[in-house]
Protein backbone atom coordinates (compact mmCIF):
# COMPACT_ATOMS: atom_id res chain seq x y z
CA MET A 1 30.60 53.58 -61.37
CA GLN A 2 27.56 51.37 -62.02
CA GLY A 3 26.51 53.71 -64.84
CA ILE A 4 29.89 53.37 -66.55
CA ILE A 5 29.77 49.57 -66.24
CA THR A 6 26.27 49.52 -67.76
CA LEU A 7 27.43 51.79 -70.58
CA LEU A 8 30.40 49.56 -71.42
CA LEU A 9 28.33 46.38 -71.12
CA ILE A 10 25.65 47.53 -73.54
CA LEU A 11 27.83 49.37 -76.06
CA SER A 12 30.68 46.87 -76.26
CA PRO A 13 28.82 44.61 -78.76
CA MET A 14 28.71 47.47 -81.29
CA PHE A 15 32.45 48.01 -81.11
CA VAL A 16 33.06 44.25 -81.25
CA GLY A 17 30.98 44.09 -84.43
CA PHE A 18 32.85 47.09 -85.86
CA THR A 19 36.27 45.50 -85.24
CA LEU A 20 35.43 42.24 -87.02
CA PRO A 21 37.24 41.64 -90.35
CA THR A 22 35.38 43.10 -93.33
CA SER A 23 33.35 40.48 -95.17
CA GLN A 24 30.63 41.07 -97.76
CA LYS A 25 28.82 37.93 -96.67
CA LEU A 26 28.92 38.93 -93.00
CA ALA A 27 27.82 42.49 -93.80
CA ALA A 28 24.90 41.21 -95.90
CA PHE A 29 23.85 38.84 -93.13
CA GLY A 30 24.15 41.63 -90.55
CA GLY A 31 21.99 43.98 -92.62
CA GLN A 32 19.28 41.37 -93.18
CA ALA A 33 19.30 40.18 -89.57
CA LEU A 34 19.11 43.80 -88.40
CA THR A 35 15.87 44.34 -90.31
CA TYR A 36 14.17 41.32 -88.73
CA LEU A 37 15.54 42.15 -85.28
CA ILE A 38 14.09 45.67 -85.45
CA TYR A 39 10.66 44.18 -86.16
CA LEU A 40 11.07 41.78 -83.23
CA ILE A 41 12.12 44.60 -80.89
CA LEU A 42 9.09 46.67 -81.90
CA ILE A 43 6.79 43.72 -81.18
CA VAL A 44 8.39 43.22 -77.74
CA ILE A 45 8.05 46.95 -76.95
CA GLY A 46 4.40 46.73 -78.08
CA ILE A 47 3.85 43.81 -75.68
CA GLU A 48 5.40 45.74 -72.78
CA LEU A 49 3.24 48.74 -73.62
CA GLY A 50 0.15 46.55 -73.70
CA LEU A 51 0.94 45.34 -70.17
CA VAL A 52 1.03 48.85 -68.69
CA ASP A 53 -1.68 49.37 -66.07
CA ASP A 54 -4.22 52.12 -66.72
CA LEU A 55 -2.78 52.75 -70.19
CA VAL A 56 -5.97 54.45 -71.38
CA GLN A 57 -5.55 57.09 -68.68
CA LYS A 58 -1.93 57.59 -69.75
CA VAL A 59 -2.59 58.05 -73.48
CA GLY A 60 -3.21 61.77 -73.00
CA ASP A 61 0.12 62.15 -71.22
CA ILE A 62 1.93 60.17 -73.94
CA ILE A 63 0.50 62.43 -76.65
CA LYS A 64 1.39 65.55 -74.64
CA TYR A 65 4.99 64.40 -74.07
CA LEU A 66 5.29 63.32 -77.69
CA VAL A 67 4.13 66.59 -79.24
CA VAL A 68 6.45 68.67 -77.05
CA LEU A 69 9.45 66.35 -77.58
CA ILE A 70 9.03 66.26 -81.37
CA THR A 71 8.75 70.05 -81.51
CA LEU A 72 11.83 70.59 -79.37
CA THR A 73 14.16 67.97 -80.84
CA ILE A 74 13.41 68.77 -84.47
CA GLY A 75 13.04 72.53 -83.89
CA PHE A 76 16.29 73.09 -82.00
CA GLY A 77 18.39 71.14 -84.51
CA ALA A 78 16.75 72.75 -87.55
CA ILE A 79 16.94 76.36 -86.30
CA SER A 80 20.60 76.05 -85.32
CA LEU A 81 21.54 74.67 -88.74
CA VAL A 82 19.57 77.38 -90.56
CA PHE A 83 21.86 79.91 -88.88
CA PHE A 84 24.88 77.73 -89.68
CA ASP A 85 24.02 77.76 -93.38
CA LYS A 86 23.28 81.48 -93.28
CA PHE A 87 26.53 82.53 -91.66
CA THR A 88 28.78 80.10 -93.53
CA GLN A 89 26.98 80.59 -96.88
CA LYS A 90 26.63 76.86 -97.43
CA ASN A 91 23.09 76.97 -98.74
CA GLN A 92 23.74 75.96 -102.35
CA LEU A 93 20.60 74.08 -103.05
CA SER A 94 19.88 75.83 -106.34
CA LYS A 95 22.98 74.21 -107.80
CA HIS A 96 22.04 70.74 -106.61
CA THR A 97 18.30 70.47 -107.15
CA LEU A 98 17.01 68.28 -109.95
CA PRO A 99 14.48 70.70 -111.51
CA ASN A 100 12.48 68.26 -113.60
CA GLN A 101 12.30 65.40 -111.15
CA LYS A 102 9.67 64.98 -108.45
CA PRO A 103 11.10 63.40 -105.30
CA LYS A 104 9.45 60.08 -104.44
CA ILE A 105 8.19 59.70 -100.89
CA SER A 106 7.72 56.22 -99.42
CA LEU A 107 6.33 55.69 -95.95
CA ARG A 108 6.00 51.92 -96.33
CA GLY A 109 8.83 51.20 -93.88
CA SER A 110 7.42 53.50 -91.21
CA LEU A 111 3.97 51.92 -91.62
CA ALA A 112 5.45 48.42 -91.21
CA GLN A 113 7.14 49.49 -87.98
CA LEU A 114 3.90 50.88 -86.55
CA ILE A 115 2.12 47.64 -87.50
CA CYS A 116 4.75 45.62 -85.57
CA LEU A 117 4.19 47.84 -82.54
CA ALA A 118 0.43 47.31 -82.83
CA ILE A 119 0.87 43.53 -83.19
CA GLY A 120 2.87 43.44 -79.95
CA PHE A 121 0.30 45.59 -78.19
CA MET A 122 -2.56 43.32 -79.23
CA ALA A 123 -0.58 40.17 -78.42
CA ALA A 124 -0.16 41.37 -74.82
CA LYS A 125 -3.93 41.19 -74.40
CA PHE A 126 -4.16 37.52 -75.43
CA LEU A 127 -0.81 35.88 -74.60
CA PRO A 128 -0.78 33.52 -71.59
CA ALA A 129 1.49 34.69 -68.76
CA GLY A 130 4.06 31.99 -69.62
CA PHE A 131 4.58 33.49 -73.09
CA ILE A 132 5.29 37.05 -71.93
CA PRO A 133 8.94 37.97 -72.67
CA PRO A 134 11.19 37.88 -69.55
CA GLU A 135 12.19 41.13 -67.85
CA LYS A 136 15.66 41.44 -69.43
CA THR A 137 14.53 40.63 -72.98
CA THR A 138 14.87 44.23 -74.20
CA THR A 139 18.41 44.49 -72.81
CA ILE A 140 19.50 41.30 -74.59
CA LEU A 141 17.88 42.37 -77.85
CA LEU A 142 19.54 45.77 -77.51
CA MET A 143 22.99 44.19 -77.23
CA VAL A 144 22.34 41.99 -80.28
CA LEU A 145 21.04 45.04 -82.17
CA LEU A 146 24.18 47.07 -81.44
CA PHE A 147 26.41 44.16 -82.47
CA LEU A 148 24.64 43.96 -85.84
CA VAL A 149 24.87 47.76 -86.21
CA GLY A 150 28.63 47.52 -85.73
CA VAL A 151 28.85 44.75 -88.35
CA SER A 152 26.75 46.79 -90.80
CA LEU A 153 28.76 49.98 -90.29
CA LYS A 154 32.02 48.10 -90.85
CA GLY A 155 30.58 46.35 -93.90
CA SER A 156 29.50 49.68 -95.40
CA GLY A 157 33.16 50.48 -96.01
CA ILE A 158 32.93 53.78 -94.14
CA GLY A 159 35.77 54.31 -91.70
CA LEU A 160 35.92 56.75 -88.80
CA LYS A 161 38.73 58.70 -90.49
CA GLN A 162 36.80 58.93 -93.75
CA ALA A 163 33.71 60.23 -91.95
CA LEU A 164 35.63 62.85 -89.99
CA VAL A 165 37.59 64.06 -93.03
CA ASN A 166 34.51 65.84 -94.39
CA LYS A 167 34.69 69.17 -92.59
CA THR A 168 31.12 70.26 -93.30
CA GLY A 169 29.69 66.88 -92.29
CA LEU A 170 31.59 67.07 -89.00
CA GLN A 171 30.43 70.66 -88.35
CA VAL A 172 26.79 69.82 -89.09
CA SER A 173 27.03 66.76 -86.82
CA VAL A 174 28.48 68.70 -83.88
CA ILE A 175 25.87 71.49 -84.13
CA PHE A 176 23.00 69.02 -84.57
CA ILE A 177 24.09 66.81 -81.67
CA PHE A 178 24.69 69.71 -79.29
CA CYS A 179 21.48 71.64 -80.04
CA THR A 180 19.18 68.62 -80.31
CA THR A 181 20.48 67.17 -77.05
CA LEU A 182 20.14 70.61 -75.45
CA SER A 183 16.42 70.47 -76.18
CA GLY A 184 16.21 67.66 -73.63
CA ILE A 185 17.05 70.18 -70.89
CA ILE A 186 14.10 72.33 -71.99
CA PHE A 187 11.87 69.24 -72.06
CA ALA A 188 12.89 68.34 -68.51
CA SER A 189 12.24 71.90 -67.33
CA ILE A 190 8.71 71.86 -68.79
CA PHE A 191 7.69 68.60 -67.09
CA HIS A 192 8.61 68.39 -63.41
CA GLU A 193 8.29 64.57 -63.43
CA VAL A 194 11.14 64.32 -65.97
CA THR A 195 14.68 64.41 -64.57
CA LEU A 196 17.47 66.29 -66.34
CA MET A 197 19.25 63.08 -67.34
CA GLN A 198 15.98 61.56 -68.56
CA GLY A 199 15.31 64.60 -70.72
CA LEU A 200 18.81 64.43 -72.21
CA ALA A 201 18.42 60.69 -72.85
CA LEU A 202 15.06 61.14 -74.61
CA ALA A 203 16.49 63.88 -76.83
CA SER A 204 19.52 61.79 -77.86
CA GLY A 205 17.69 59.25 -80.03
CA TYR A 206 18.18 61.35 -83.20
CA GLY A 207 15.65 59.21 -85.10
CA TRP A 208 16.93 55.80 -83.95
CA TYR A 209 13.47 54.58 -82.86
CA SER A 210 14.32 50.89 -82.35
CA LEU A 211 17.27 51.75 -80.11
CA SER A 212 15.70 54.65 -78.19
CA GLY A 213 12.51 52.69 -77.63
CA THR A 214 14.48 49.77 -76.21
CA ILE A 215 16.81 51.84 -74.00
CA MET A 216 14.06 54.09 -72.63
CA THR A 217 11.77 51.11 -71.95
CA ASP A 218 14.60 49.41 -70.10
CA ALA A 219 15.45 52.55 -68.11
CA TYR A 220 12.11 54.29 -67.53
CA GLY A 221 9.33 51.84 -68.43
CA ALA A 222 7.09 51.13 -71.41
CA VAL A 223 5.32 54.51 -71.43
CA TRP A 224 8.55 56.46 -71.85
CA GLY A 225 9.86 53.82 -74.23
CA SER A 226 6.81 54.46 -76.40
CA VAL A 227 7.31 58.23 -76.23
CA ALA A 228 10.94 57.84 -77.35
CA LEU A 229 10.07 55.35 -80.08
CA LEU A 230 7.22 57.40 -81.53
CA ASN A 231 9.26 60.61 -81.31
CA ASP A 232 12.11 59.11 -83.33
CA LEU A 233 9.79 57.33 -85.75
CA ALA A 234 8.01 60.66 -86.31
CA ARG A 235 11.39 62.21 -87.21
CA GLU A 236 11.82 59.64 -89.97
CA VAL A 237 8.31 60.25 -91.35
CA ILE A 238 8.73 64.04 -91.20
CA ALA A 239 12.12 63.76 -92.89
CA LEU A 240 10.80 61.64 -95.77
CA ILE A 241 8.00 64.13 -96.40
CA PHE A 242 9.84 67.43 -95.94
CA ILE A 243 13.46 66.85 -97.08
CA PRO A 244 12.70 67.76 -100.73
CA TRP A 245 11.09 71.04 -99.65
CA VAL A 246 13.64 71.91 -96.93
CA MET A 247 16.52 71.28 -99.33
CA ARG A 248 15.42 74.39 -101.25
CA TYR A 249 16.26 76.59 -98.28
CA SER A 250 18.92 74.85 -96.17
CA THR A 251 21.05 71.89 -97.23
CA SER A 252 22.34 71.30 -93.70
CA VAL A 253 18.82 71.10 -92.23
CA ALA A 254 17.73 68.76 -95.02
CA VAL A 255 20.68 66.42 -94.41
CA SER A 256 20.16 66.43 -90.63
CA LEU A 257 16.37 66.16 -90.60
CA GLY A 258 16.42 62.36 -90.61
CA GLY A 259 19.07 62.11 -87.89
CA VAL A 260 20.67 58.65 -87.88
CA THR A 261 18.50 57.59 -90.84
CA SER A 262 20.50 59.95 -93.06
CA LEU A 263 22.85 57.00 -93.46
CA ASP A 264 20.15 54.58 -94.63
CA PHE A 265 16.35 55.12 -94.87
CA THR A 266 16.35 58.81 -95.80
CA LEU A 267 19.62 58.82 -97.78
CA PRO A 268 17.91 58.15 -101.17
CA THR A 269 15.54 61.08 -100.54
CA ILE A 270 18.48 63.35 -99.60
CA LEU A 271 20.41 62.40 -102.75
CA GLN A 272 17.39 62.79 -104.99
CA ALA A 273 16.62 66.24 -103.60
CA GLY A 274 20.18 67.54 -103.26
CA GLY A 275 22.17 65.71 -105.92
CA THR A 276 25.11 63.31 -105.59
CA GLN A 277 27.39 66.20 -104.54
CA ILE A 278 25.75 66.15 -101.15
CA MET A 279 26.57 62.48 -100.49
CA PRO A 280 29.89 63.05 -98.60
CA ILE A 281 28.17 65.40 -96.12
CA ALA A 282 25.18 63.07 -95.65
CA ILE A 283 27.33 59.97 -95.11
CA SER A 284 29.70 61.77 -92.74
CA PHE A 285 26.80 63.21 -90.73
CA GLY A 286 24.91 59.91 -90.65
CA PHE A 287 27.95 57.92 -89.56
CA ILE A 288 28.89 60.28 -86.73
CA VAL A 289 25.39 60.51 -85.23
CA ASN A 290 25.03 56.72 -85.48
CA ILE A 291 28.10 56.36 -83.29
CA VAL A 292 27.24 59.15 -80.82
CA SER A 293 23.52 58.43 -80.32
CA PRO A 294 23.77 55.08 -78.46
CA VAL A 295 26.65 56.36 -76.33
CA LEU A 296 24.67 59.39 -75.13
CA MET A 297 21.39 57.53 -74.63
CA VAL A 298 22.97 54.78 -72.54
CA LEU A 299 25.16 57.27 -70.65
CA PHE A 300 22.34 59.65 -69.72
CA SER A 301 19.83 56.89 -68.88
CA SER A 302 22.41 55.11 -66.71
CA PHE A 303 22.74 58.17 -64.47
CA GLY A 304 19.14 59.22 -64.22
């Protein structure tokens, strides 16, 4: 029962934001505030990581967890969608590719996020005890973040019905969510110190680094919060680099590679590589995983 209460408490701000009347001014404010809040959350997570005892001894474990988690979460989703494209004959990249245009790859955003994390980490070494964020800071920031996400989703003009109408987008979303989350079971079976629910929670970030980092830090501590954050940030970086190449072989994998960022950060790269025809699938997929990801992460972490 406590897990359900926690789930409702944390997720309710997103649905409150989504039910607010549509306003361009409110949506613009929500989008801008969301950007600054993400930077603030990363700094706070960096501070909490910097306060971890014996962190140097734990770096090896963090890298080990990170490599395995990245391989599983990206691998399971990609392989399943390769088969989906093969058996449904939906790989039509040759019709969509822009032959004379080189896709532009920008990692500036990802670099800025890593810098914020580093700033927080360094600040933890010099801040007086009175300036260290209180224990529940990440929970409060998480609730504000989800409220702004709800406002931004509503302001985007994309409705739930519109997202679900696209059959291929819905199919890709279901396969991606199921298989990527399933990889969390494998992760938990590899590392005996990871519970089943923890493995499922870690695998449910789908590229939402600011949210997964906050939820996992709140539930399992700064080390696991860092693993989740870096895993999902790595997904974004990998997506930006490899979407143009992957699009040549599997449109579904290319659309899904960025996870939740297919609705924002990686959307320009998807459209440039696959053409405007692919936009309905990308938007549908991005919208659905944006809704499902926080629900699963909070649900799994609440019970384990």
